[in-house]
Amino acid sequence: MSEDRISLLRDLTSSEDVNRATLKLITKADDVDINAEFLHGIIGLSTNPSARKATLALPRMSSWLLDGLVDVPPWLQLPVLARIMEADHIGGYEIEEIITP
């Protein structure tokens, strides 16, 4: 069943990078947050090993949190940072202000 969904998402997004992690992250999102931009952000996170590990540990995913996580450099994408961002509702452009010197 999940292979059918992966195939469908690959067709819809024109991306071969869709995998099981992508599906898991999408299921953590609210329906209202899921759009083309959100899907491409999730695909990007699920293809990066450190970002995938950081985000799969989260209980939920929102577009606001995703916007913040996408802006975090790959070497800084850690499960603890993702949990802090979710708990403190840090996302969007706020994370840029925090991590930019």
Protein backbone atom coordinates (compact mmCIF):
# COMPACT_ATOMS: atom_id res chain seq x y z
CA MET A 1 0.00 0.00 0.00
CA SER A 2 2.71 2.51 0.88
CA GLU A 3 4.57 1.70 -2.35
CA ASP A 4 1.44 2.79 -4.26
CA ARG A 5 1.41 6.06 -2.30
CA ILE A 6 5.11 6.62 -2.91
CA SER A 7 4.59 6.06 -6.63
CA LEU A 8 1.63 8.46 -6.66
CA LEU A 9 3.58 11.15 -4.80
CA ARG A 10 6.52 10.73 -7.16
CA ASP A 11 4.18 11.29 -10.09
CA LEU A 12 2.43 14.27 -8.47
CA THR A 13 5.62 16.02 -7.42
CA SER A 14 7.79 14.97 -10.38
CA SER A 15 10.41 13.85 -7.87
CA GLU A 16 12.13 10.51 -7.55
CA ASP A 17 13.25 11.53 -4.03
CA VAL A 18 9.93 10.56 -2.42
CA ASN A 19 10.47 7.69 0.03
CA ARG A 20 8.93 6.09 3.14
CA ALA A 21 10.25 8.89 5.35
CA THR A 22 8.41 11.39 3.14
CA LEU A 23 5.16 9.52 3.74
CA LYS A 24 5.73 9.38 7.50
CA LEU A 25 6.37 13.12 7.65
CA ILE A 26 3.28 13.90 5.58
CA THR A 27 1.09 11.85 7.93
CA LYS A 28 2.27 14.06 10.81
CA ALA A 29 0.89 17.19 9.14
CA ASP A 30 -2.54 18.78 9.41
CA ASP A 31 -4.54 18.62 6.18
CA VAL A 32 -4.66 22.41 5.94
CA ASP A 33 -0.85 22.60 5.81
CA ILE A 34 -0.39 20.23 2.89
CA ASN A 35 0.20 21.98 -0.42
CA ALA A 36 2.81 21.79 -3.19
CA GLU A 37 5.35 23.95 -1.34
CA PHE A 38 4.92 21.87 1.82
CA LEU A 39 5.40 18.61 -0.11
CA HIS A 40 8.60 19.85 -1.74
CA GLY A 41 9.93 20.98 1.65
CA ILE A 42 9.13 17.58 3.17
CA ILE A 43 10.82 15.82 0.27
CA GLY A 44 13.93 17.93 0.80
CA LEU A 45 14.04 17.14 4.51
CA SER A 46 13.42 13.44 3.98
CA THR A 47 16.36 13.14 1.56
CA ASN A 48 18.83 14.69 4.03
CA PRO A 49 19.84 12.02 6.62
CA SER A 50 20.29 14.40 9.57
CA ALA A 51 17.10 16.35 8.80
CA ARG A 52 15.17 13.10 8.33
CA LYS A 53 16.31 11.86 11.74
CA ALA A 54 15.46 15.19 13.35
CA THR A 55 11.97 15.43 11.87
CA LEU A 56 10.89 11.81 12.18
CA ALA A 57 11.27 12.16 15.96
CA LEU A 58 8.63 14.91 16.04
CA PRO A 59 5.03 14.04 16.94
CA ARG A 60 3.61 16.45 14.35
CA MET A 61 4.71 18.64 11.45
CA SER A 62 3.30 22.04 10.52
CA SER A 63 4.06 24.34 7.63
CA TRP A 64 5.37 26.92 10.10
CA LEU A 65 7.82 24.42 11.62
CA LEU A 66 8.79 23.12 8.19
CA ASP A 67 9.63 26.65 7.02
CA GLY A 68 11.97 27.01 9.99
CA LEU A 69 13.59 23.60 9.57
CA VAL A 70 14.29 24.19 5.89
CA ASP A 71 16.25 27.32 6.85
CA VAL A 72 18.44 25.47 9.34
CA PRO A 73 21.81 24.43 7.88
CA PRO A 74 22.06 20.63 7.40
CA TRP A 75 24.86 20.28 9.97
CA LEU A 76 22.58 21.85 12.61
CA GLN A 77 19.47 19.79 11.91
CA LEU A 78 19.36 17.68 15.05
CA PRO A 79 16.42 15.98 16.83
CA VAL A 80 16.89 18.16 19.92
CA LEU A 81 16.74 21.37 17.86
CA ALA A 82 13.61 20.18 16.04
CA ARG A 83 11.94 19.37 19.38
CA ILE A 84 12.88 22.78 20.80
CA MET A 85 11.54 24.51 17.70
CA GLU A 86 8.27 22.60 17.97
CA ALA A 87 7.87 23.08 21.74
CA ASP A 88 8.66 26.80 21.60
CA HIS A 89 6.73 27.36 18.35
CA ILE A 90 9.83 28.63 16.57
CA GLY A 91 9.49 28.47 12.82
CA GLY A 92 9.19 30.52 9.72
CA TYR A 93 11.72 33.34 9.62
CA GLU A 94 12.30 33.34 13.39
CA ILE A 95 14.93 30.63 13.16
CA GLU A 96 16.96 32.73 10.69
CA GLU A 97 17.15 35.50 13.27
CA ILE A 98 18.30 33.05 15.94
CA ILE A 99 20.99 31.26 13.97
CA THR A 100 22.31 34.15 11.86
CA PRO A 101 25.29 35.94 13.44
